[in-house]
Amino acid sequence: MTARRRHWLMKSEPDTFSIDDLQRVGVEPWNGVRNYQARNFMRDGMKVGDGVLFYHSNCAEPGIVGTATVASEAYPDETQFDPKSDYYDPKSTREQPRWYLVDVAFERKLARTVTLEEIKRHADRLGEDFALVRRGNRLSVFPVSAAQWKYLLSLE
């Protein structure tokens, strides 16, 4: 296994796109992100080969359910140009796109979900910079340190 440069946590609602969906398709564009900070992480921070913690949100048992890999450099999210899409942005143009995405490749499902409640119980070990447990954080994409990555996967 090659050494990863960076690590990320990416949230998805399982009724929209789940770890099982990613396993089935193999590689998927991570579209529909409409937060500038999350977009900047994908556009400016992510590199091919970076590790992803796949997190199910807005469900009965939110938590980390698998791992994936960043499989492409960032490129414009096509949904911003489609008036029929929920993610359409009329202010975005092909010449000056606002929204970017990366492709994400399935790696593995965890043996069990590392739940949000469990993560909160270990917050002191993850540090105050861990965005998932920071009050008011709603980001769907954010960086995870190598130490946080290792610790979170040790909870599996």
C-alpha atoms as a PDB file:
ATOM      1  CA  MET A   1       0.000   0.000   0.000  1.00  0.00           C
ATOM      2  CA  THR A   2       1.400   3.391  -0.961  1.00  0.00           C
ATOM      3  CA  ALA A   3       1.793   6.100   1.647  1.00  0.00           C
ATOM      4  CA  ARG A   4      -1.006   8.612   1.586  1.00  0.00           C
ATOM      5  CA  ARG A   5      -0.307  12.309   1.441  1.00  0.00           C
ATOM      6  CA  ARG A   6      -3.413  13.568   3.244  1.00  0.00           C
ATOM      7  CA  HIS A   7      -6.598  12.274   4.814  1.00  0.00           C
ATOM      8  CA  TRP A   8     -10.179  13.494   4.637  1.00  0.00           C
ATOM      9  CA  LEU A   9     -13.624  12.789   5.999  1.00  0.00           C
ATOM     10  CA  MET A  10     -16.448  12.994   3.461  1.00  0.00           C
ATOM     11  CA  LYS A  11     -20.099  12.840   4.484  1.00  0.00           C
ATOM     12  CA  SER A  12     -22.916  11.385   2.457  1.00  0.00           C
ATOM     13  CA  GLU A  13     -26.511  10.634   3.328  1.00  0.00           C
ATOM     14  CA  PRO A  14     -26.888   6.873   2.819  1.00  0.00           C
ATOM     15  CA  ASP A  15     -30.318   7.220   1.186  1.00  0.00           C
ATOM     16  CA  THR A  16     -28.667   9.496  -1.410  1.00  0.00           C
ATOM     17  CA  PHE A  17     -25.324   7.698  -1.860  1.00  0.00           C
ATOM     18  CA  SER A  18     -24.061   5.041   0.542  1.00  0.00           C
ATOM     19  CA  ILE A  19     -20.861   3.073   1.008  1.00  0.00           C
ATOM     20  CA  ASP A  20     -22.725   0.154  -0.608  1.00  0.00           C
ATOM     21  CA  ASP A  21     -23.392   2.340  -3.650  1.00  0.00           C
ATOM     22  CA  LEU A  22     -19.707   3.240  -3.847  1.00  0.00           C
ATOM     23  CA  GLN A  23     -18.733  -0.414  -3.514  1.00  0.00           C
ATOM     24  CA  ARG A  24     -21.143  -1.295  -6.344  1.00  0.00           C
ATOM     25  CA  VAL A  25     -19.914   1.404  -8.780  1.00  0.00           C
ATOM     26  CA  GLY A  26     -16.248   1.397  -7.735  1.00  0.00           C
ATOM     27  CA  VAL A  27     -15.529   5.064  -8.532  1.00  0.00           C
ATOM     28  CA  GLU A  28     -17.934   7.998  -8.285  1.00  0.00           C
ATOM     29  CA  PRO A  29     -17.740  11.783  -8.776  1.00  0.00           C
ATOM     30  CA  TRP A  30     -18.362  13.423  -5.364  1.00  0.00           C
ATOM     31  CA  ASN A  31     -20.840  15.966  -6.726  1.00  0.00           C
ATOM     32  CA  GLY A  32     -23.277  18.373  -5.164  1.00  0.00           C
ATOM     33  CA  VAL A  33     -20.976  20.034  -2.622  1.00  0.00           C
ATOM     34  CA  ARG A  34     -22.203  23.617  -2.298  1.00  0.00           C
ATOM     35  CA  ASN A  35     -20.103  24.976   0.541  1.00  0.00           C
ATOM     36  CA  TYR A  36     -17.113  27.102  -0.416  1.00  0.00           C
ATOM     37  CA  GLN A  37     -14.806  25.770   2.308  1.00  0.00           C
ATOM     38  CA  ALA A  38     -15.599  22.138   1.443  1.00  0.00           C
ATOM     39  CA  ARG A  39     -15.156  22.976  -2.257  1.00  0.00           C
ATOM     40  CA  ASN A  40     -11.772  24.537  -1.525  1.00  0.00           C
ATOM     41  CA  PHE A  41     -10.652  21.394   0.305  1.00  0.00           C
ATOM     42  CA  MET A  42     -11.527  19.336  -2.784  1.00  0.00           C
ATOM     43  CA  ARG A  43     -10.219  21.831  -5.344  1.00  0.00           C
ATOM     44  CA  ASP A  44      -7.045  22.969  -3.588  1.00  0.00           C
ATOM     45  CA  GLY A  45      -6.192  20.271  -1.056  1.00  0.00           C
ATOM     46  CA  MET A  46      -7.075  16.830  -2.357  1.00  0.00           C
ATOM     47  CA  LYS A  47      -4.615  14.801  -4.385  1.00  0.00           C
ATOM     48  CA  VAL A  48      -4.938  11.429  -6.079  1.00  0.00           C
ATOM     49  CA  GLY A  49      -4.204   8.714  -3.529  1.00  0.00           C
ATOM     50  CA  ASP A  50      -5.365  10.658  -0.476  1.00  0.00           C
ATOM     51  CA  GLY A  51      -7.371   8.622   2.029  1.00  0.00           C
ATOM     52  CA  VAL A  52     -11.072   9.201   2.675  1.00  0.00           C
ATOM     53  CA  LEU A  53     -13.140   8.216   5.685  1.00  0.00           C
ATOM     54  CA  PHE A  54     -16.619   7.623   4.267  1.00  0.00           C
ATOM     55  CA  TYR A  55     -19.176   8.927   6.756  1.00  0.00           C
ATOM     56  CA  HIS A  56     -22.936   8.313   6.696  1.00  0.00           C
ATOM     57  CA  SER A  57     -24.797  11.415   7.920  1.00  0.00           C
ATOM     58  CA  ASN A  58     -28.410  12.355   8.552  1.00  0.00           C
ATOM     59  CA  CYS A  59     -29.448   8.778   9.304  1.00  0.00           C
ATOM     60  CA  ALA A  60     -30.419   6.579  12.265  1.00  0.00           C
ATOM     61  CA  GLU A  61     -26.789   5.747  13.094  1.00  0.00           C
ATOM     62  CA  PRO A  62     -24.386   8.362  11.709  1.00  0.00           C
ATOM     63  CA  GLY A  63     -20.758   7.324  11.592  1.00  0.00           C
ATOM     64  CA  ILE A  64     -17.722   6.196   9.634  1.00  0.00           C
ATOM     65  CA  VAL A  65     -18.677   3.187   7.525  1.00  0.00           C
ATOM     66  CA  GLY A  66     -15.736   2.704   5.179  1.00  0.00           C
ATOM     67  CA  THR A  67     -12.644   4.018   3.492  1.00  0.00           C
ATOM     68  CA  ALA A  68     -12.059   5.274  -0.015  1.00  0.00           C
ATOM     69  CA  THR A  69      -9.331   6.947  -2.033  1.00  0.00           C
ATOM     70  CA  VAL A  70      -9.283  10.213  -3.939  1.00  0.00           C
ATOM     71  CA  ALA A  71      -9.145   8.964  -7.542  1.00  0.00           C
ATOM     72  CA  SER A  72      -8.864  12.188  -9.579  1.00  0.00           C
ATOM     73  CA  GLU A  73      -7.661  15.737  -9.420  1.00  0.00           C
ATOM     74  CA  ALA A  74     -10.458  18.275  -8.925  1.00  0.00           C
ATOM     75  CA  TYR A  75     -12.559  19.237 -11.949  1.00  0.00           C
ATOM     76  CA  PRO A  76     -15.795  21.229 -12.460  1.00  0.00           C
ATOM     77  CA  ASP A  77     -18.960  19.622 -11.064  1.00  0.00           C
ATOM     78  CA  GLU A  78     -21.260  19.154 -14.082  1.00  0.00           C
ATOM     79  CA  THR A  79     -24.413  19.382 -11.926  1.00  0.00           C
ATOM     80  CA  GLN A  80     -23.879  23.143 -11.528  1.00  0.00           C
ATOM     81  CA  PHE A  81     -24.639  23.630 -15.249  1.00  0.00           C
ATOM     82  CA  ASP A  82     -27.813  21.476 -15.372  1.00  0.00           C
ATOM     83  CA  PRO A  83     -31.046  23.429 -14.751  1.00  0.00           C
ATOM     84  CA  LYS A  84     -32.791  20.115 -13.928  1.00  0.00           C
ATOM     85  CA  SER A  85     -30.289  19.289 -11.161  1.00  0.00           C
ATOM     86  CA  ASP A  86     -30.883  20.027  -7.477  1.00  0.00           C
ATOM     87  CA  TYR A  87     -27.312  21.377  -7.540  1.00  0.00           C
ATOM     88  CA  TYR A  88     -27.812  23.807 -10.432  1.00  0.00           C
ATOM     89  CA  ASP A  89     -26.106  27.184  -9.945  1.00  0.00           C
ATOM     90  CA  PRO A  90     -27.297  29.809 -12.444  1.00  0.00           C
ATOM     91  CA  LYS A  91     -24.321  32.061 -11.589  1.00  0.00           C
ATOM     92  CA  SER A  92     -21.838  29.378 -12.609  1.00  0.00           C
ATOM     93  CA  THR A  93     -20.521  29.253 -16.170  1.00  0.00           C
ATOM     94  CA  ARG A  94     -18.295  26.804 -18.007  1.00  0.00           C
ATOM     95  CA  GLU A  95     -15.768  29.627 -18.394  1.00  0.00           C
ATOM     96  CA  GLN A  96     -15.904  30.374 -14.655  1.00  0.00           C
ATOM     97  CA  PRO A  97     -17.236  27.342 -12.787  1.00  0.00           C
ATOM     98  CA  ARG A  98     -17.865  27.822  -9.067  1.00  0.00           C
ATOM     99  CA  TRP A  99     -18.083  24.203  -7.970  1.00  0.00           C
ATOM    100  CA  TYR A 100     -15.494  21.441  -8.200  1.00  0.00           C
ATOM    101  CA  LEU A 101     -15.405  17.786  -7.273  1.00  0.00           C
ATOM    102  CA  VAL A 102     -13.062  14.828  -7.153  1.00  0.00           C
ATOM    103  CA  ASP A 103     -13.708  11.214  -8.036  1.00  0.00           C
ATOM    104  CA  VAL A 104     -13.682   8.853  -5.062  1.00  0.00           C
ATOM    105  CA  ALA A 105     -12.773   5.143  -5.324  1.00  0.00           C
ATOM    106  CA  PHE A 106     -14.081   2.461  -2.971  1.00  0.00           C
ATOM    107  CA  GLU A 107     -11.476   0.885  -0.734  1.00  0.00           C
ATOM    108  CA  ARG A 108     -13.298  -1.102   1.954  1.00  0.00           C
ATOM    109  CA  LYS A 109     -16.277  -1.231   4.271  1.00  0.00           C
ATOM    110  CA  LEU A 110     -15.468  -1.185   7.970  1.00  0.00           C
ATOM    111  CA  ALA A 111     -16.284  -4.324   9.945  1.00  0.00           C
ATOM    112  CA  ARG A 112     -18.672  -2.121  11.922  1.00  0.00           C
ATOM    113  CA  THR A 113     -19.757   1.510  11.941  1.00  0.00           C
ATOM    114  CA  VAL A 114     -17.672   3.812  14.114  1.00  0.00           C
ATOM    115  CA  THR A 115     -20.640   5.852  15.343  1.00  0.00           C
ATOM    116  CA  LEU A 116     -20.787   9.570  15.943  1.00  0.00           C
ATOM    117  CA  GLU A 117     -21.591   8.891  19.611  1.00  0.00           C
ATOM    118  CA  GLU A 118     -18.477   6.751  19.912  1.00  0.00           C
ATOM    119  CA  ILE A 119     -16.386   9.406  18.158  1.00  0.00           C
ATOM    120  CA  LYS A 120     -17.719  12.037  20.586  1.00  0.00           C
ATOM    121  CA  ARG A 121     -16.687   9.839  23.527  1.00  0.00           C
ATOM    122  CA  HIS A 122     -13.131   9.838  22.133  1.00  0.00           C
ATOM    123  CA  ALA A 123     -13.082  13.554  21.250  1.00  0.00           C
ATOM    124  CA  ASP A 124     -10.322  14.257  23.782  1.00  0.00           C
ATOM    125  CA  ARG A 125      -8.044  11.836  21.892  1.00  0.00           C
ATOM    126  CA  LEU A 126      -8.894  13.424  18.532  1.00  0.00           C
ATOM    127  CA  GLY A 127      -8.070  16.997  19.529  1.00  0.00           C
ATOM    128  CA  GLU A 128     -10.084  20.187  19.465  1.00  0.00           C
ATOM    129  CA  ASP A 129      -9.293  20.733  15.778  1.00  0.00           C
ATOM    130  CA  PHE A 130     -11.321  17.655  14.769  1.00  0.00           C
ATOM    131  CA  ALA A 131     -14.160  19.287  12.809  1.00  0.00           C
ATOM    132  CA  LEU A 132     -16.720  16.478  13.189  1.00  0.00           C
ATOM    133  CA  VAL A 133     -17.161  17.105  16.919  1.00  0.00           C
ATOM    134  CA  ARG A 134     -16.692  20.878  16.841  1.00  0.00           C
ATOM    135  CA  ARG A 135     -19.907  22.729  17.721  1.00  0.00           C
ATOM    136  CA  GLY A 136     -21.674  24.275  14.757  1.00  0.00           C
ATOM    137  CA  ASN A 137     -19.627  22.419  12.134  1.00  0.00           C
ATOM    138  CA  ARG A 138     -21.721  21.432   9.129  1.00  0.00           C
ATOM    139  CA  LEU A 139     -18.950  20.759   6.607  1.00  0.00           C
ATOM    140  CA  SER A 140     -19.421  17.685   4.442  1.00  0.00           C
ATOM    141  CA  VAL A 141     -15.714  17.506   3.504  1.00  0.00           C
ATOM    142  CA  PHE A 142     -12.812  18.321   5.804  1.00  0.00           C
ATOM    143  CA  PRO A 143      -9.222  17.300   6.522  1.00  0.00           C
ATOM    144  CA  VAL A 144      -8.278  14.641   9.058  1.00  0.00           C
ATOM    145  CA  SER A 145      -4.750  14.428  10.446  1.00  0.00           C
ATOM    146  CA  ALA A 146      -2.748  11.221  10.071  1.00  0.00           C
ATOM    147  CA  ALA A 147      -3.030  10.662  13.833  1.00  0.00           C
ATOM    148  CA  GLN A 148      -6.822  11.198  13.772  1.00  0.00           C
ATOM    149  CA  TRP A 149      -7.133   8.821  10.789  1.00  0.00           C
ATOM    150  CA  LYS A 150      -5.167   6.114  12.595  1.00  0.00           C
ATOM    151  CA  TYR A 151      -7.073   6.563  15.860  1.00  0.00           C
ATOM    152  CA  LEU A 152     -10.512   6.588  14.230  1.00  0.00           C
ATOM    153  CA  LEU A 153      -9.753   3.390  12.314  1.00  0.00           C
ATOM    154  CA  SER A 154      -8.439   1.793  15.528  1.00  0.00           C
ATOM    155  CA  LEU A 155     -11.984   2.154  16.938  1.00  0.00           C
ATOM    156  CA  GLU A 156     -13.260  -0.290  14.328  1.00  0.00           C
END
